[in-house]
């Protein structure tokens, strides 16, 4: 990806099918909005089966961007008072923070 000379040179060597596959790959960071929408849908789905369901850190789910997204880990690293969590939370909007905090998390 990118417009640099090296990227252009490498893309020039790809077949049309390879270029199409490359362009189809997800690129960049997963947005908090996309992650939260998927997590909230998963919570709703799980709670249809078990109204007391809570997402464990080990929870993995299929999404549009991954057949095995580590959803529980995504939530885990955004919760608590660890330096890593606080650094990530500092870049989130207040609305996104409320949504993360509202997720039923923990075993």
N, C-alpha and C. Protein backbone atom coordinates (compact mmCIF):
# COMPACT_ATOMS: atom_id res chain seq x y z
N UNK A 1 0.84 -1.19 0.00
CA UNK A 1 0.00 0.00 0.00
C UNK A 1 0.88 1.24 0.00
N UNK A 2 0.29 2.35 -0.33
CA UNK A 2 1.02 3.61 -0.32
C UNK A 2 1.39 4.05 -1.72
N UNK A 3 1.86 5.27 -1.81
CA UNK A 3 2.20 5.86 -3.10
C UNK A 3 3.71 5.97 -3.32
N UNK A 4 4.48 5.46 -2.39
CA UNK A 4 5.93 5.55 -2.51
C UNK A 4 6.45 4.78 -3.71
N UNK A 5 7.66 5.14 -4.13
CA UNK A 5 8.28 4.51 -5.30
C UNK A 5 8.43 3.00 -5.09
N UNK A 6 8.85 2.59 -3.91
CA UNK A 6 9.03 1.16 -3.62
C UNK A 6 7.70 0.42 -3.73
N UNK A 7 6.64 0.99 -3.16
CA UNK A 7 5.32 0.35 -3.23
C UNK A 7 4.85 0.23 -4.67
N UNK A 8 5.06 1.28 -5.46
CA UNK A 8 4.65 1.24 -6.86
C UNK A 8 5.43 0.19 -7.64
N UNK A 9 6.72 0.07 -7.35
CA UNK A 9 7.55 -0.93 -8.02
C UNK A 9 7.07 -2.33 -7.69
N UNK A 10 6.81 -2.56 -6.42
CA UNK A 10 6.35 -3.89 -6.01
C UNK A 10 4.98 -4.22 -6.61
N UNK A 11 4.06 -3.25 -6.61
CA UNK A 11 2.74 -3.49 -7.20
C UNK A 11 2.82 -3.76 -8.69
N UNK A 12 3.78 -3.14 -9.37
CA UNK A 12 3.92 -3.34 -10.82
C UNK A 12 4.27 -4.79 -11.14
N UNK A 13 4.83 -5.51 -10.19
CA UNK A 13 5.21 -6.91 -10.41
C UNK A 13 4.05 -7.88 -10.18
N UNK A 14 2.95 -7.40 -9.62
CA UNK A 14 1.82 -8.27 -9.28
C UNK A 14 0.90 -8.47 -10.48
N UNK A 15 0.26 -9.62 -10.51
CA UNK A 15 -0.75 -9.88 -11.53
C UNK A 15 -2.02 -9.12 -11.15
N UNK A 16 -2.96 -9.06 -12.05
CA UNK A 16 -4.23 -8.39 -11.78
C UNK A 16 -4.95 -9.06 -10.60
N UNK A 17 -4.92 -10.39 -10.57
CA UNK A 17 -5.56 -11.13 -9.48
C UNK A 17 -4.88 -10.83 -8.14
N UNK A 18 -3.56 -10.75 -8.15
CA UNK A 18 -2.83 -10.44 -6.92
C UNK A 18 -3.14 -9.01 -6.45
N UNK A 19 -3.22 -8.08 -7.37
CA UNK A 19 -3.57 -6.70 -7.01
C UNK A 19 -4.96 -6.62 -6.40
N UNK A 20 -5.89 -7.38 -6.99
CA UNK A 20 -7.26 -7.40 -6.47
C UNK A 20 -7.27 -7.96 -5.05
N UNK A 21 -6.52 -9.02 -4.81
CA UNK A 21 -6.43 -9.60 -3.46
C UNK A 21 -5.80 -8.63 -2.49
N UNK A 22 -4.76 -7.94 -2.92
CA UNK A 22 -4.10 -6.95 -2.06
C UNK A 22 -5.06 -5.84 -1.67
N UNK A 23 -5.79 -5.33 -2.62
CA UNK A 23 -6.72 -4.23 -2.34
C UNK A 23 -7.87 -4.66 -1.43
N UNK A 24 -8.19 -5.95 -1.44
CA UNK A 24 -9.28 -6.46 -0.60
C UNK A 24 -8.87 -6.63 0.86
N UNK A 25 -7.57 -6.63 1.13
CA UNK A 25 -7.12 -6.82 2.51
C UNK A 25 -7.47 -5.61 3.37
N UNK A 26 -7.86 -5.85 4.62
CA UNK A 26 -8.10 -4.73 5.52
C UNK A 26 -6.78 -4.03 5.80
N UNK A 27 -6.79 -2.73 5.83
CA UNK A 27 -5.56 -1.97 6.01
C UNK A 27 -5.78 -0.90 7.05
N UNK A 28 -4.81 -0.72 7.90
CA UNK A 28 -4.89 0.31 8.91
C UNK A 28 -5.50 -0.24 10.19
N UNK A 29 -5.68 0.65 11.11
CA UNK A 29 -6.22 0.26 12.41
C UNK A 29 -7.72 0.05 12.34
N UNK A 30 -8.16 -0.88 13.13
CA UNK A 30 -9.59 -1.11 13.27
C UNK A 30 -10.17 0.06 14.04
N UNK A 31 -11.22 0.65 13.54
CA UNK A 31 -11.80 1.79 14.24
C UNK A 31 -12.56 1.32 15.49
N UNK A 32 -12.56 2.18 16.49
CA UNK A 32 -13.30 1.86 17.71
C UNK A 32 -14.78 1.69 17.39
N UNK A 33 -15.29 2.48 16.48
CA UNK A 33 -16.70 2.39 16.11
C UNK A 33 -17.04 1.02 15.53
N UNK A 34 -16.21 0.54 14.60
CA UNK A 34 -16.45 -0.78 14.00
C UNK A 34 -16.35 -1.88 15.06
N UNK A 35 -15.32 -1.80 15.90
CA UNK A 35 -15.14 -2.81 16.94
C UNK A 35 -16.32 -2.81 17.91
N UNK A 36 -16.72 -1.64 18.36
CA UNK A 36 -17.81 -1.56 19.33
C UNK A 36 -19.14 -2.03 18.74
N UNK A 37 -19.39 -1.70 17.50
CA UNK A 37 -20.63 -2.17 16.85
C UNK A 37 -20.65 -3.70 16.80
N UNK A 38 -19.53 -4.30 16.44
CA UNK A 38 -19.46 -5.77 16.40
C UNK A 38 -19.59 -6.36 17.80
N UNK A 39 -18.93 -5.75 18.78
CA UNK A 39 -19.01 -6.25 20.16
C UNK A 39 -20.42 -6.14 20.72
N UNK A 40 -21.08 -5.05 20.48
CA UNK A 40 -22.45 -4.87 20.98
C UNK A 40 -23.40 -5.86 20.33
N UNK A 41 -23.21 -6.14 19.05
CA UNK A 41 -24.03 -7.14 18.37
C UNK A 41 -23.77 -8.53 18.95
N UNK A 42 -22.51 -8.81 19.24
CA UNK A 42 -22.16 -10.12 19.82
C UNK A 42 -22.76 -10.27 21.21
N UNK A 43 -22.71 -9.22 22.01
CA UNK A 43 -23.31 -9.27 23.34
C UNK A 43 -24.82 -9.56 23.22
N UNK A 44 -25.48 -8.85 22.32
CA UNK A 44 -26.92 -9.07 22.12
C UNK A 44 -27.20 -10.52 21.71
N UNK A 45 -26.39 -11.04 20.79
CA UNK A 45 -26.56 -12.41 20.32
C UNK A 45 -26.35 -13.41 21.46
N UNK A 46 -25.29 -13.23 22.21
CA UNK A 46 -24.98 -14.14 23.31
C UNK A 46 -26.03 -14.07 24.42
N UNK A 47 -26.54 -12.88 24.66
CA UNK A 47 -27.52 -12.71 25.74
C UNK A 47 -28.89 -13.25 25.37
N UNK A 48 -29.13 -13.50 24.09
CA UNK A 48 -30.36 -14.20 23.72
C UNK A 48 -30.34 -15.62 24.28
N UNK A 49 -29.16 -16.21 24.31
CA UNK A 49 -28.98 -17.57 24.83
C UNK A 49 -28.86 -17.58 26.36
N UNK A 50 -28.13 -16.60 26.88
CA UNK A 50 -27.85 -16.53 28.32
C UNK A 50 -27.87 -15.06 28.75
N UNK A 51 -28.95 -14.63 29.41
CA UNK A 51 -29.07 -13.23 29.80
C UNK A 51 -27.97 -12.72 30.73
N UNK A 52 -27.23 -13.62 31.35
CA UNK A 52 -26.15 -13.22 32.26
C UNK A 52 -24.77 -13.34 31.62
N UNK A 53 -24.71 -13.57 30.32
CA UNK A 53 -23.43 -13.77 29.65
C UNK A 53 -22.53 -12.56 29.81
N UNK A 54 -21.25 -12.85 30.07
CA UNK A 54 -20.21 -11.83 30.15
C UNK A 54 -19.07 -12.27 29.24
N UNK A 55 -18.46 -11.32 28.58
CA UNK A 55 -17.40 -11.64 27.64
C UNK A 55 -16.10 -11.95 28.38
N UNK A 56 -15.58 -13.16 28.21
CA UNK A 56 -14.28 -13.47 28.81
C UNK A 56 -13.15 -12.92 27.94
N UNK A 57 -12.00 -12.75 28.54
CA UNK A 57 -10.84 -12.26 27.78
C UNK A 57 -10.51 -13.20 26.63
N UNK A 58 -10.81 -14.46 26.76
CA UNK A 58 -10.49 -15.46 25.73
C UNK A 58 -11.51 -15.50 24.59
N UNK A 59 -12.55 -14.66 24.62
CA UNK A 59 -13.61 -14.72 23.62
C UNK A 59 -13.08 -14.37 22.22
N UNK A 60 -13.38 -15.24 21.27
CA UNK A 60 -13.01 -15.05 19.87
C UNK A 60 -14.28 -15.10 19.06
N UNK A 61 -14.38 -14.24 18.06
CA UNK A 61 -15.59 -14.21 17.23
C UNK A 61 -15.24 -13.89 15.78
N UNK A 62 -16.12 -14.27 14.89
CA UNK A 62 -15.96 -13.97 13.48
C UNK A 62 -16.50 -12.57 13.21
N UNK A 63 -15.76 -11.80 12.42
CA UNK A 63 -16.19 -10.46 12.03
C UNK A 63 -15.91 -10.26 10.54
N UNK A 64 -16.29 -9.13 10.03
CA UNK A 64 -16.02 -8.81 8.64
C UNK A 64 -14.51 -8.69 8.38
N UNK A 65 -13.74 -8.37 9.41
CA UNK A 65 -12.30 -8.17 9.23
C UNK A 65 -11.45 -9.36 9.66
N UNK A 66 -12.07 -10.33 10.33
CA UNK A 66 -11.29 -11.49 10.78
C UNK A 66 -12.22 -12.67 11.08
N UNK A 67 -11.85 -13.85 10.63
CA UNK A 67 -12.66 -15.01 10.96
C UNK A 67 -12.50 -15.43 12.43
N UNK A 68 -11.46 -14.92 13.08
CA UNK A 68 -11.20 -15.27 14.49
C UNK A 68 -10.62 -14.06 15.23
N UNK A 69 -11.45 -13.02 15.37
CA UNK A 69 -11.02 -11.79 16.05
C UNK A 69 -11.01 -12.02 17.55
N UNK A 70 -9.94 -11.64 18.19
CA UNK A 70 -9.80 -11.79 19.64
C UNK A 70 -10.53 -10.64 20.35
N UNK A 71 -11.83 -10.72 20.34
CA UNK A 71 -12.68 -9.66 20.86
C UNK A 71 -12.48 -9.43 22.36
N UNK A 72 -12.37 -10.49 23.12
CA UNK A 72 -12.16 -10.36 24.56
C UNK A 72 -10.86 -9.64 24.88
N UNK A 73 -9.83 -9.91 24.12
CA UNK A 73 -8.56 -9.22 24.31
C UNK A 73 -8.68 -7.74 23.96
N UNK A 74 -9.44 -7.44 22.88
CA UNK A 74 -9.64 -6.05 22.48
C UNK A 74 -10.25 -5.28 23.64
N UNK A 75 -11.26 -5.87 24.28
CA UNK A 75 -11.91 -5.21 25.42
C UNK A 75 -10.94 -5.12 26.60
N UNK A 76 -10.27 -6.22 26.87
CA UNK A 76 -9.38 -6.29 28.03
C UNK A 76 -8.32 -5.20 28.03
N UNK A 77 -7.71 -4.95 26.88
CA UNK A 77 -6.63 -3.95 26.86
C UNK A 77 -7.15 -2.52 26.92
N UNK A 78 -8.46 -2.35 26.93
CA UNK A 78 -9.06 -1.02 27.06
C UNK A 78 -9.75 -0.82 28.40
N UNK A 79 -9.59 -1.76 29.29
CA UNK A 79 -10.23 -1.67 30.61
C UNK A 79 -9.15 -1.66 31.69
N UNK A 80 -9.46 -1.07 32.83
CA UNK A 80 -8.54 -1.10 33.95
C UNK A 80 -7.64 0.11 34.02
N UNK A 81 -6.73 0.08 34.99
CA UNK A 81 -5.88 1.24 35.22
C UNK A 81 -4.43 1.02 34.81
N UNK A 82 -4.18 -0.04 34.03
CA UNK A 82 -2.82 -0.27 33.52
C UNK A 82 -2.41 0.85 32.57
N UNK A 83 -1.13 1.07 32.46
CA UNK A 83 -0.62 2.13 31.58
C UNK A 83 -1.07 1.94 30.14
N UNK A 84 -1.03 0.68 29.66
CA UNK A 84 -1.44 0.41 28.28
C UNK A 84 -2.90 0.78 28.08
N UNK A 85 -3.76 0.39 28.99
CA UNK A 85 -5.19 0.70 28.87
C UNK A 85 -5.42 2.21 28.90
N UNK A 86 -4.75 2.89 29.79
CA UNK A 86 -4.93 4.34 29.90
C UNK A 86 -4.44 5.06 28.64
N UNK A 87 -3.35 4.59 28.07
CA UNK A 87 -2.82 5.19 26.84
C UNK A 87 -3.80 5.01 25.68
N UNK A 88 -4.38 3.83 25.56
CA UNK A 88 -5.35 3.58 24.49
C UNK A 88 -6.62 4.38 24.72
N UNK A 89 -7.09 4.39 25.96
CA UNK A 89 -8.32 5.12 26.29
C UNK A 89 -8.17 6.63 26.06
N UNK A 90 -6.96 7.14 26.20
CA UNK A 90 -6.73 8.58 26.00
C UNK A 90 -7.03 9.01 24.57
N UNK A 91 -6.98 8.07 23.65
CA UNK A 91 -7.25 8.37 22.24
C UNK A 91 -8.68 8.06 21.82
N UNK A 92 -9.51 7.66 22.75
CA UNK A 92 -10.90 7.32 22.44
C UNK A 92 -11.82 8.48 22.81
N UNK A 93 -12.94 8.57 22.12
CA UNK A 93 -13.92 9.61 22.45
C UNK A 93 -14.66 9.23 23.73
N UNK A 94 -15.29 10.21 24.35
CA UNK A 94 -16.06 9.94 25.57
C UNK A 94 -17.18 8.95 25.28
N UNK A 95 -17.82 9.07 24.14
CA UNK A 95 -18.91 8.15 23.78
C UNK A 95 -18.38 6.72 23.63
N UNK A 96 -17.22 6.57 23.00
CA UNK A 96 -16.64 5.23 22.85
C UNK A 96 -16.23 4.66 24.20
N UNK A 97 -15.70 5.49 25.07
CA UNK A 97 -15.32 5.01 26.40
C UNK A 97 -16.53 4.50 27.17
N UNK A 98 -17.65 5.22 27.07
CA UNK A 98 -18.88 4.78 27.74
C UNK A 98 -19.32 3.43 27.21
N UNK A 99 -19.22 3.24 25.90
CA UNK A 99 -19.64 1.98 25.29
C UNK A 99 -18.72 0.84 25.69
N UNK A 100 -17.41 1.09 25.75
CA UNK A 100 -16.48 0.04 26.20
C UNK A 100 -16.79 -0.34 27.64
N UNK A 101 -16.97 0.66 28.47
CA UNK A 101 -17.23 0.41 29.89
C UNK A 101 -18.56 -0.30 30.13
N UNK A 102 -19.50 -0.13 29.22
CA UNK A 102 -20.82 -0.75 29.37
C UNK A 102 -20.84 -2.22 28.94
N UNK A 103 -19.81 -2.66 28.23
CA UNK A 103 -19.78 -4.06 27.80
C UNK A 103 -19.68 -4.99 29.00
N UNK A 104 -20.49 -6.05 29.02
CA UNK A 104 -20.40 -7.01 30.12
C UNK A 104 -19.14 -7.84 29.98
N UNK A 105 -18.12 -7.48 30.71
CA UNK A 105 -16.82 -8.11 30.55
C UNK A 105 -16.39 -8.79 31.84
N UNK A 106 -15.73 -9.90 31.70
CA UNK A 106 -15.15 -10.61 32.84
C UNK A 106 -15.87 -11.93 33.07
N UNK A 107 -15.12 -12.86 33.57
CA UNK A 107 -15.68 -14.20 33.77
C UNK A 107 -16.33 -14.32 35.11
